[in-house]
Amino acid sequence: MRRKACSTAGLLLALGLGSASGGEATPEPVFQYPEYDEVVAWVPAGKAATAAVAQGVVHIELHRARRRAADTLCDDGAPPPGRLVHRDGPYPVQLPAKAGKAWLYRLARVSSDRICNTSTATFLRTLSNFLPEWIVVRGANRKVAWRQGKAATAGTAARLMVRR
């Protein structure tokens, strides 16, 4: 039996851009490290049966997207990824409004001012074009996060509604 991936509506609710009805939920900040570049992923349970697999899926997607963004913006290959300073998860979450179960995984890296002769913000926006809808990126000290090349949140005030 094939499982459905998280819906766009479910992801918008998870980002705090919609409203969920029914069920008690505890708000939890999506972006927890404003001074770093952050990646927040909600890996659909149908894509990963375990936390280890979810972690691998996210890193594979990030690697592929980074190569494609580098091909678009860089003259000399992919830039270094930046030093990883925080990693949270993956841990299981129940998304609101019956959007399904997922693995929540957060990464925070040291930011650099410029990547491939362009701003970090431009690189991250381009990177997001090549990521699945369940991965969101945000540059250090930025109020805008990017999901598939489009602004996804109003900044660090976005909330993820997680049923405990």
N, C-alpha and C. Protein backbone atom coordinates (compact mmCIF):
# COMPACT_ATOMS: atom_id res chain seq x y z
N MET A 1 0.83 -1.18 0.00
CA MET A 1 0.00 0.00 0.00
C MET A 1 0.88 1.25 0.00
N ARG A 2 0.62 2.14 -0.87
CA ARG A 2 1.44 3.34 -1.03
C ARG A 2 0.94 4.44 -0.09
N ARG A 3 1.88 5.07 0.61
CA ARG A 3 1.53 6.16 1.53
C ARG A 3 1.62 7.49 0.80
N LYS A 4 0.78 8.42 1.22
CA LYS A 4 0.81 9.76 0.63
C LYS A 4 1.88 10.59 1.30
N ALA A 5 2.52 11.46 0.53
CA ALA A 5 3.48 12.42 1.09
C ALA A 5 2.70 13.54 1.76
N CYS A 6 3.37 14.31 2.59
CA CYS A 6 2.73 15.45 3.25
C CYS A 6 2.19 16.39 2.19
N SER A 7 0.97 16.84 2.38
CA SER A 7 0.36 17.74 1.42
C SER A 7 0.89 19.16 1.58
N THR A 8 0.71 19.95 0.55
CA THR A 8 1.10 21.36 0.63
C THR A 8 0.32 22.05 1.73
N ALA A 9 -0.96 21.76 1.83
CA ALA A 9 -1.77 22.37 2.89
C ALA A 9 -1.24 21.98 4.26
N GLY A 10 -0.86 20.73 4.42
CA GLY A 10 -0.30 20.28 5.69
C GLY A 10 0.99 20.99 6.03
N LEU A 11 1.82 21.21 5.03
CA LEU A 11 3.08 21.92 5.26
C LEU A 11 2.83 23.38 5.60
N LEU A 12 1.86 24.01 4.95
CA LEU A 12 1.55 25.39 5.29
C LEU A 12 1.05 25.49 6.72
N LEU A 13 0.24 24.52 7.14
CA LEU A 13 -0.21 24.50 8.52
C LEU A 13 0.97 24.29 9.46
N ALA A 14 1.88 23.42 9.09
CA ALA A 14 3.05 23.15 9.92
C ALA A 14 3.92 24.39 10.07
N LEU A 15 3.97 25.21 9.04
CA LEU A 15 4.78 26.42 9.09
C LEU A 15 4.06 27.56 9.81
N GLY A 16 2.81 27.32 10.19
CA GLY A 16 2.08 28.35 10.89
C GLY A 16 1.42 29.34 9.94
N LEU A 17 1.22 28.94 8.69
CA LEU A 17 0.62 29.84 7.71
C LEU A 17 -0.86 29.53 7.49
N GLY A 18 -1.38 28.61 8.25
CA GLY A 18 -2.79 28.26 8.16
C GLY A 18 -3.29 28.02 9.56
N SER A 19 -4.46 27.45 9.68
CA SER A 19 -4.95 27.14 11.02
C SER A 19 -5.47 25.72 11.04
N ALA A 20 -5.17 25.03 12.12
CA ALA A 20 -5.62 23.65 12.28
C ALA A 20 -6.82 23.65 13.21
N SER A 21 -7.74 22.76 12.96
CA SER A 21 -8.89 22.65 13.85
C SER A 21 -8.88 21.27 14.49
N GLY A 22 -9.29 21.24 15.74
CA GLY A 22 -9.38 19.98 16.45
C GLY A 22 -8.04 19.50 16.95
N GLY A 23 -8.06 18.74 18.04
CA GLY A 23 -6.84 18.17 18.58
C GLY A 23 -5.99 19.20 19.29
N GLU A 24 -5.38 18.81 20.36
CA GLU A 24 -4.51 19.72 21.08
C GLU A 24 -3.12 19.66 20.47
N ALA A 25 -2.50 20.79 20.36
CA ALA A 25 -1.16 20.85 19.79
C ALA A 25 -0.33 21.83 20.61
N THR A 26 0.95 21.59 20.64
CA THR A 26 1.87 22.46 21.35
C THR A 26 2.71 23.21 20.33
N PRO A 27 2.71 24.55 20.33
CA PRO A 27 3.54 25.27 19.37
C PRO A 27 5.01 25.12 19.72
N GLU A 28 5.81 24.99 18.70
CA GLU A 28 7.25 24.86 18.87
C GLU A 28 7.92 25.69 17.78
N PRO A 29 8.90 26.51 18.12
CA PRO A 29 9.53 27.34 17.09
C PRO A 29 10.13 26.49 15.98
N VAL A 30 9.91 26.90 14.75
CA VAL A 30 10.49 26.19 13.61
C VAL A 30 11.98 26.50 13.52
N PHE A 31 12.32 27.77 13.49
CA PHE A 31 13.71 28.17 13.38
C PHE A 31 14.22 28.56 14.76
N GLN A 32 15.18 27.83 15.26
CA GLN A 32 15.64 28.02 16.63
C GLN A 32 17.01 28.67 16.73
N TYR A 33 17.71 28.83 15.63
CA TYR A 33 19.07 29.36 15.64
C TYR A 33 19.18 30.51 14.64
N PRO A 34 18.65 31.69 14.99
CA PRO A 34 18.60 32.78 14.01
C PRO A 34 19.95 33.26 13.51
N GLU A 35 21.01 33.02 14.26
CA GLU A 35 22.34 33.50 13.85
C GLU A 35 23.02 32.57 12.85
N TYR A 36 22.37 31.47 12.48
CA TYR A 36 22.94 30.50 11.54
C TYR A 36 22.01 30.27 10.36
N ASP A 37 22.58 29.77 9.26
CA ASP A 37 21.74 29.27 8.16
C ASP A 37 21.06 28.01 8.67
N GLU A 38 19.75 27.89 8.41
CA GLU A 38 19.03 26.73 8.93
C GLU A 38 18.29 25.99 7.83
N VAL A 39 18.18 24.69 8.04
CA VAL A 39 17.37 23.81 7.21
C VAL A 39 16.40 23.11 8.15
N VAL A 40 15.11 23.16 7.80
CA VAL A 40 14.11 22.44 8.56
C VAL A 40 13.39 21.51 7.59
N ALA A 41 13.37 20.23 7.92
CA ALA A 41 12.74 19.24 7.05
C ALA A 41 11.68 18.46 7.82
N TRP A 42 10.57 18.24 7.15
CA TRP A 42 9.54 17.34 7.65
C TRP A 42 9.49 16.19 6.66
N VAL A 43 10.26 15.14 6.92
CA VAL A 43 10.35 14.02 5.99
C VAL A 43 9.09 13.18 6.14
N PRO A 44 8.30 13.05 5.07
CA PRO A 44 7.09 12.24 5.17
C PRO A 44 7.43 10.81 5.60
N ALA A 45 6.62 10.26 6.50
CA ALA A 45 6.87 8.92 7.02
C ALA A 45 6.94 7.89 5.89
N GLY A 46 6.24 8.13 4.79
CA GLY A 46 6.28 7.21 3.66
C GLY A 46 7.63 7.18 2.95
N LYS A 47 8.45 8.18 3.18
CA LYS A 47 9.79 8.22 2.58
C LYS A 47 10.86 7.65 3.48
N ALA A 48 10.56 7.51 4.77
CA ALA A 48 11.57 7.03 5.72
C ALA A 48 10.89 6.32 6.88
N ALA A 49 11.22 5.06 7.05
CA ALA A 49 10.63 4.26 8.13
C ALA A 49 11.31 4.50 9.48
N THR A 50 12.56 4.98 9.45
CA THR A 50 13.30 5.19 10.69
C THR A 50 13.96 6.57 10.69
N ALA A 51 14.40 7.00 11.85
CA ALA A 51 15.09 8.29 11.97
C ALA A 51 16.37 8.30 11.15
N ALA A 52 17.11 7.20 11.16
CA ALA A 52 18.36 7.13 10.41
C ALA A 52 18.11 7.29 8.90
N VAL A 53 17.06 6.66 8.42
CA VAL A 53 16.73 6.78 7.00
C VAL A 53 16.28 8.21 6.69
N ALA A 54 15.49 8.82 7.58
CA ALA A 54 15.05 10.20 7.38
C ALA A 54 16.25 11.13 7.30
N GLN A 55 17.21 10.95 8.18
CA GLN A 55 18.42 11.77 8.16
C GLN A 55 19.15 11.60 6.83
N GLY A 56 19.29 10.38 6.38
CA GLY A 56 19.95 10.12 5.11
C GLY A 56 19.22 10.75 3.94
N VAL A 57 17.90 10.64 3.93
CA VAL A 57 17.10 11.22 2.85
C VAL A 57 17.32 12.73 2.77
N VAL A 58 17.32 13.40 3.92
CA VAL A 58 17.52 14.85 3.94
C VAL A 58 18.91 15.21 3.40
N HIS A 59 19.93 14.50 3.84
CA HIS A 59 21.28 14.82 3.39
C HIS A 59 21.47 14.54 1.90
N ILE A 60 20.85 13.51 1.39
CA ILE A 60 20.92 13.23 -0.05
C ILE A 60 20.22 14.34 -0.83
N GLU A 61 19.03 14.75 -0.38
CA GLU A 61 18.31 15.82 -1.06
C GLU A 61 19.11 17.13 -1.02
N LEU A 62 19.71 17.44 0.13
CA LEU A 62 20.52 18.66 0.25
C LEU A 62 21.75 18.60 -0.67
N HIS A 63 22.39 17.44 -0.73
CA HIS A 63 23.57 17.30 -1.60
C HIS A 63 23.18 17.51 -3.07
N ARG A 64 22.12 16.87 -3.50
CA ARG A 64 21.68 17.01 -4.89
C ARG A 64 21.31 18.45 -5.21
N ALA A 65 20.56 19.10 -4.31
CA ALA A 65 20.14 20.48 -4.53
C ALA A 65 21.34 21.42 -4.53
N ARG A 66 22.29 21.17 -3.67
CA ARG A 66 23.50 22.00 -3.59
C ARG A 66 24.29 21.92 -4.89
N ARG A 67 24.42 20.71 -5.44
CA ARG A 67 25.12 20.55 -6.72
C ARG A 67 24.40 21.30 -7.84
N ARG A 68 23.07 21.18 -7.87
CA ARG A 68 22.30 21.85 -8.92
C ARG A 68 22.36 23.37 -8.77
N ALA A 69 22.27 23.86 -7.53
CA ALA A 69 22.39 25.31 -7.30
C ALA A 69 23.78 25.79 -7.70
N ALA A 70 24.80 25.00 -7.38
CA ALA A 70 26.17 25.36 -7.75
C ALA A 70 26.34 25.38 -9.27
N ASP A 71 25.73 24.41 -9.96
CA ASP A 71 25.78 24.40 -11.42
C ASP A 71 25.15 25.66 -12.00
N THR A 72 24.13 26.17 -11.33
CA THR A 72 23.43 27.36 -11.79
C THR A 72 24.20 28.64 -11.49
N LEU A 73 24.83 28.72 -10.30
CA LEU A 73 25.41 29.98 -9.84
C LEU A 73 26.94 30.04 -9.79
N CYS A 74 27.59 28.90 -9.74
CA CYS A 74 29.04 28.89 -9.49
C CYS A 74 29.83 28.55 -10.74
N ASP A 75 31.02 29.11 -10.82
CA ASP A 75 31.91 28.82 -11.94
C ASP A 75 32.83 27.64 -11.66
N ASP A 76 33.09 27.36 -10.39
CA ASP A 76 34.10 26.35 -10.07
C ASP A 76 33.60 25.29 -9.08
N GLY A 77 32.44 24.72 -9.35
CA GLY A 77 31.93 23.63 -8.51
C GLY A 77 31.19 24.13 -7.29
N ALA A 78 30.77 23.18 -6.47
CA ALA A 78 29.97 23.48 -5.29
C ALA A 78 30.81 24.13 -4.21
N PRO A 79 30.26 25.11 -3.53
CA PRO A 79 30.98 25.75 -2.43
C PRO A 79 31.00 24.85 -1.20
N PRO A 80 31.89 25.10 -0.26
CA PRO A 80 31.88 24.31 0.97
C PRO A 80 30.56 24.53 1.71
N PRO A 81 30.05 23.52 2.40
CA PRO A 81 28.74 23.62 3.01
C PRO A 81 28.66 24.48 4.27
N GLY A 82 29.77 24.82 4.87
CA GLY A 82 29.73 25.56 6.14
C GLY A 82 29.74 24.58 7.30
N ARG A 83 30.32 25.00 8.39
CA ARG A 83 30.46 24.12 9.56
C ARG A 83 29.11 23.90 10.23
N LEU A 84 28.75 22.64 10.45
CA LEU A 84 27.52 22.27 11.13
C LEU A 84 27.68 22.59 12.62
N VAL A 85 26.75 23.35 13.18
CA VAL A 85 26.84 23.73 14.59
C VAL A 85 25.70 23.16 15.43
N HIS A 86 24.57 22.84 14.81
CA HIS A 86 23.45 22.24 15.54
C HIS A 86 22.76 21.23 14.63
N ARG A 87 22.33 20.15 15.26
CA ARG A 87 21.51 19.14 14.55
C ARG A 87 20.49 18.64 15.55
N ASP A 88 19.22 18.79 15.23
CA ASP A 88 18.13 18.34 16.08
C ASP A 88 17.32 17.29 15.34
N GLY A 89 17.18 16.12 15.94
CA GLY A 89 16.37 15.07 15.33
C GLY A 89 17.21 14.18 14.45
N PRO A 90 16.54 13.49 13.57
CA PRO A 90 15.11 13.53 13.32
C PRO A 90 14.32 12.84 14.44
N TYR A 91 13.14 13.40 14.70
CA TYR A 91 12.23 12.76 15.63
C TYR A 91 10.83 12.80 15.05
N PRO A 92 10.01 11.80 15.43
CA PRO A 92 8.68 11.69 14.82
C PRO A 92 7.74 12.78 15.31
N VAL A 93 6.94 13.30 14.39
CA VAL A 93 5.93 14.29 14.71
C VAL A 93 4.64 13.94 13.97
N GLN A 94 3.54 14.39 14.53
CA GLN A 94 2.25 14.28 13.87
C GLN A 94 1.89 15.67 13.37
N LEU A 95 1.81 15.85 12.08
CA LEU A 95 1.45 17.15 11.53
C LEU A 95 -0.03 17.39 11.75
N PRO A 96 -0.45 18.65 11.81
CA PRO A 96 -1.85 18.96 12.11
C PRO A 96 -2.77 18.63 10.95
N ALA A 97 -4.05 18.67 11.26
CA ALA A 97 -5.12 18.50 10.27
C ALA A 97 -4.97 17.21 9.46
N LYS A 98 -4.54 16.17 10.14
CA LYS A 98 -4.43 14.84 9.51
C LYS A 98 -3.51 14.85 8.29
N ALA A 99 -2.51 15.72 8.31
CA ALA A 99 -1.56 15.76 7.19
C ALA A 99 -0.64 14.55 7.23
N GLY A 100 -0.63 13.85 8.35
CA GLY A 100 0.15 12.62 8.44
C GLY A 100 1.34 12.75 9.38
N LYS A 101 2.05 11.64 9.46
CA LYS A 101 3.24 11.59 10.31
C LYS A 101 4.46 11.95 9.48
N ALA A 102 5.45 12.49 10.18
CA ALA A 102 6.69 12.89 9.50
C ALA A 102 7.83 12.82 10.51
N TRP A 103 9.02 12.99 9.98
CA TRP A 103 10.23 13.10 10.81
C TRP A 103 10.68 14.55 10.75
N LEU A 104 10.80 15.21 11.89
CA LEU A 104 11.27 16.59 11.94
C LEU A 104 12.78 16.57 12.14
N TYR A 105 13.49 17.30 11.29
CA TYR A 105 14.96 17.32 11.34
C TYR A 105 15.41 18.74 11.07
N ARG A 106 16.24 19.30 11.98
CA ARG A 106 16.76 20.65 11.83
C ARG A 106 18.27 20.63 11.77
N LEU A 107 18.82 21.45 10.90
CA LEU A 107 20.27 21.62 10.79
C LEU A 107 20.58 23.12 10.83
N ALA A 108 21.66 23.48 11.50
CA ALA A 108 22.11 24.87 11.52
C ALA A 108 23.60 24.88 11.20
N ARG A 109 23.98 25.75 10.26
CA ARG A 109 25.37 25.86 9.82
C ARG A 109 25.84 27.31 9.92
N VAL A 110 27.14 27.45 10.08
CA VAL A 110 27.75 28.78 10.08
C VAL A 110 27.55 29.37 8.68
N SER A 111 27.12 30.61 8.65
CA SER A 111 26.84 31.28 7.39
C SER A 111 28.10 31.97 6.87
N SER A 112 28.14 32.20 5.58
CA SER A 112 29.20 33.03 5.00
C SER A 112 28.51 34.18 4.25
N ASP A 113 29.23 35.27 4.07
CA ASP A 113 28.63 36.44 3.43
C ASP A 113 28.31 36.22 1.96
N ARG A 114 29.22 35.53 1.29
CA ARG A 114 29.04 35.33 -0.15
C ARG A 114 29.33 33.89 -0.51
N ILE A 115 28.55 33.37 -1.43
CA ILE A 115 28.75 32.02 -1.95
C ILE A 115 28.71 32.13 -3.47
N CYS A 116 29.73 31.65 -4.13
CA CYS A 116 29.78 31.65 -5.60
C CYS A 116 29.56 33.04 -6.18
N ASN A 117 30.21 34.04 -5.63
CA ASN A 117 30.10 35.40 -6.12
C ASN A 117 28.67 35.94 -6.10
N THR A 118 27.87 35.43 -5.19
CA THR A 118 26.52 35.94 -4.99
C THR A 118 26.24 35.95 -3.49
N SER A 119 25.17 36.56 -3.08
CA SER A 119 24.86 36.60 -1.66
C SER A 119 24.40 35.23 -1.18
N THR A 120 24.55 35.00 0.10
CA THR A 120 24.07 33.75 0.69
C THR A 120 22.57 33.63 0.49
N ALA A 121 21.85 34.73 0.62
CA ALA A 121 20.39 34.70 0.44
C ALA A 121 20.02 34.22 -0.96
N THR A 122 20.72 34.73 -1.97
CA THR A 122 20.45 34.30 -3.35
C THR A 122 20.76 32.82 -3.53
N PHE A 123 21.89 32.38 -2.95
CA PHE A 123 22.24 30.97 -3.07
C PHE A 123 21.19 30.09 -2.40
N LEU A 124 20.74 30.46 -1.20
CA LEU A 124 19.74 29.65 -0.49
C LEU A 124 18.40 29.63 -1.22
N ARG A 125 18.00 30.77 -1.78
CA ARG A 125 16.76 30.79 -2.56
C ARG A 125 16.88 29.86 -3.76
N THR A 126 18.03 29.91 -4.44
CA THR A 126 18.24 29.02 -5.59
C THR A 126 18.29 27.57 -5.13
N LEU A 127 18.98 27.30 -4.04
CA LEU A 127 19.03 25.96 -3.47
C LEU A 127 17.63 25.42 -3.22
N SER A 128 16.77 26.26 -2.67
CA SER A 128 15.41 25.82 -2.35
C SER A 128 14.61 25.41 -3.58
N ASN A 129 14.95 25.97 -4.74
CA ASN A 129 14.28 25.58 -5.98
C ASN A 129 14.43 24.10 -6.27
N PHE A 130 15.53 23.52 -5.81
CA PHE A 130 15.85 22.13 -6.13
C PHE A 130 15.54 21.17 -4.98
N LEU A 131 14.92 21.67 -3.93
CA LEU A 131 14.57 20.83 -2.78
C LEU A 131 13.10 20.45 -2.83
N PRO A 132 12.75 19.31 -2.24
CA PRO A 132 11.33 18.93 -2.18
C PRO A 132 10.57 19.90 -1.28
N GLU A 133 9.24 19.90 -1.40
CA GLU A 133 8.42 20.85 -0.66
C GLU A 133 8.50 20.69 0.85
N TRP A 134 8.98 19.58 1.31
CA TRP A 134 9.05 19.33 2.75
C TRP A 134 10.38 19.78 3.38
N ILE A 135 11.20 20.49 2.63
CA ILE A 135 12.43 21.08 3.18
C ILE A 135 12.39 22.60 2.99
N VAL A 136 12.64 23.34 4.08
CA VAL A 136 12.64 24.80 4.08
C VAL A 136 14.02 25.27 4.51
N VAL A 137 14.54 26.32 3.87
CA VAL A 137 15.84 26.88 4.24
C VAL A 137 15.68 28.36 4.60
N ARG A 138 16.54 28.82 5.52
CA ARG A 138 16.52 30.22 5.94
C ARG A 138 17.96 30.65 6.21
N GLY A 139 18.33 31.79 5.71
CA GLY A 139 19.66 32.32 5.93
C GLY A 139 19.79 32.94 7.31
N ALA A 140 21.01 33.02 7.80
CA ALA A 140 21.28 33.61 9.11
C ALA A 140 20.76 35.05 9.18
N ASN A 141 20.14 35.36 10.30
CA ASN A 141 19.62 36.70 10.57
C ASN A 141 18.66 37.20 9.49
N ARG A 142 17.93 36.29 8.88
CA ARG A 142 16.94 36.65 7.86
C ARG A 142 15.54 36.36 8.38
N LYS A 143 14.58 37.14 7.91
CA LYS A 143 13.19 36.92 8.32
C LYS A 143 12.43 36.07 7.32
N VAL A 144 13.02 35.84 6.17
CA VAL A 144 12.34 35.08 5.12
C VAL A 144 12.98 33.71 4.99
N ALA A 145 12.14 32.70 4.96
CA ALA A 145 12.59 31.34 4.68
C ALA A 145 12.16 31.01 3.25
N TRP A 146 12.83 30.04 2.65
CA TRP A 146 12.55 29.69 1.25
C TRP A 146 12.11 28.25 1.13
N ARG A 147 11.05 28.05 0.40
CA ARG A 147 10.53 26.72 0.10
C ARG A 147 10.25 26.67 -1.39
N GLN A 148 11.00 25.86 -2.10
CA GLN A 148 10.87 25.72 -3.55
C GLN A 148 10.90 27.08 -4.26
N GLY A 149 11.86 27.93 -3.86
CA GLY A 149 12.08 29.21 -4.52
C GLY A 149 11.14 30.32 -4.13
N LYS A 150 10.22 30.07 -3.21
CA LYS A 150 9.26 31.09 -2.80
C LYS A 150 9.36 31.34 -1.31
N ALA A 151 9.08 32.57 -0.91
CA ALA A 151 9.08 32.91 0.51
C ALA A 151 8.06 32.03 1.22
N ALA A 152 8.48 31.42 2.35
CA ALA A 152 7.62 30.44 3.01
C ALA A 152 7.09 30.88 4.35
N THR A 153 7.75 31.81 5.04
CA THR A 153 7.30 32.21 6.37
C THR A 153 7.53 33.69 6.58
N ALA A 154 7.03 34.16 7.70
CA ALA A 154 7.26 35.55 8.08
C ALA A 154 8.48 35.66 8.98
N GLY A 155 9.27 34.63 9.10
CA GLY A 155 10.50 34.67 9.89
C GLY A 155 10.48 33.71 11.05
N THR A 156 11.27 34.02 12.05
CA THR A 156 11.42 33.10 13.16
C THR A 156 10.17 32.99 14.02
N ALA A 157 9.15 33.78 13.75
CA ALA A 157 7.90 33.68 14.49
C ALA A 157 7.04 32.51 14.00
N ALA A 158 7.43 31.89 12.88
CA ALA A 158 6.66 30.75 12.38
C ALA A 158 6.64 29.65 13.41
N ARG A 159 5.57 28.90 13.46
CA ARG A 159 5.42 27.83 14.46
C ARG A 159 5.12 26.52 13.75
N LEU A 160 5.62 25.47 14.36
CA LEU A 160 5.28 24.12 13.93
C LEU A 160 4.36 23.55 14.98
N MET A 161 3.18 23.16 14.57
CA MET A 161 2.24 22.58 15.51
C MET A 161 2.50 21.08 15.58
N VAL A 162 2.95 20.62 16.72
CA VAL A 162 3.30 19.21 16.90
C VAL A 162 2.43 18.63 17.99
N ARG A 163 1.70 17.58 17.66
CA ARG A 163 0.92 16.88 18.67
C ARG A 163 1.85 16.05 19.51
N ARG A 164 1.72 16.18 20.79
CA ARG A 164 2.57 15.42 21.72
C ARG A 164 1.82 14.21 22.23
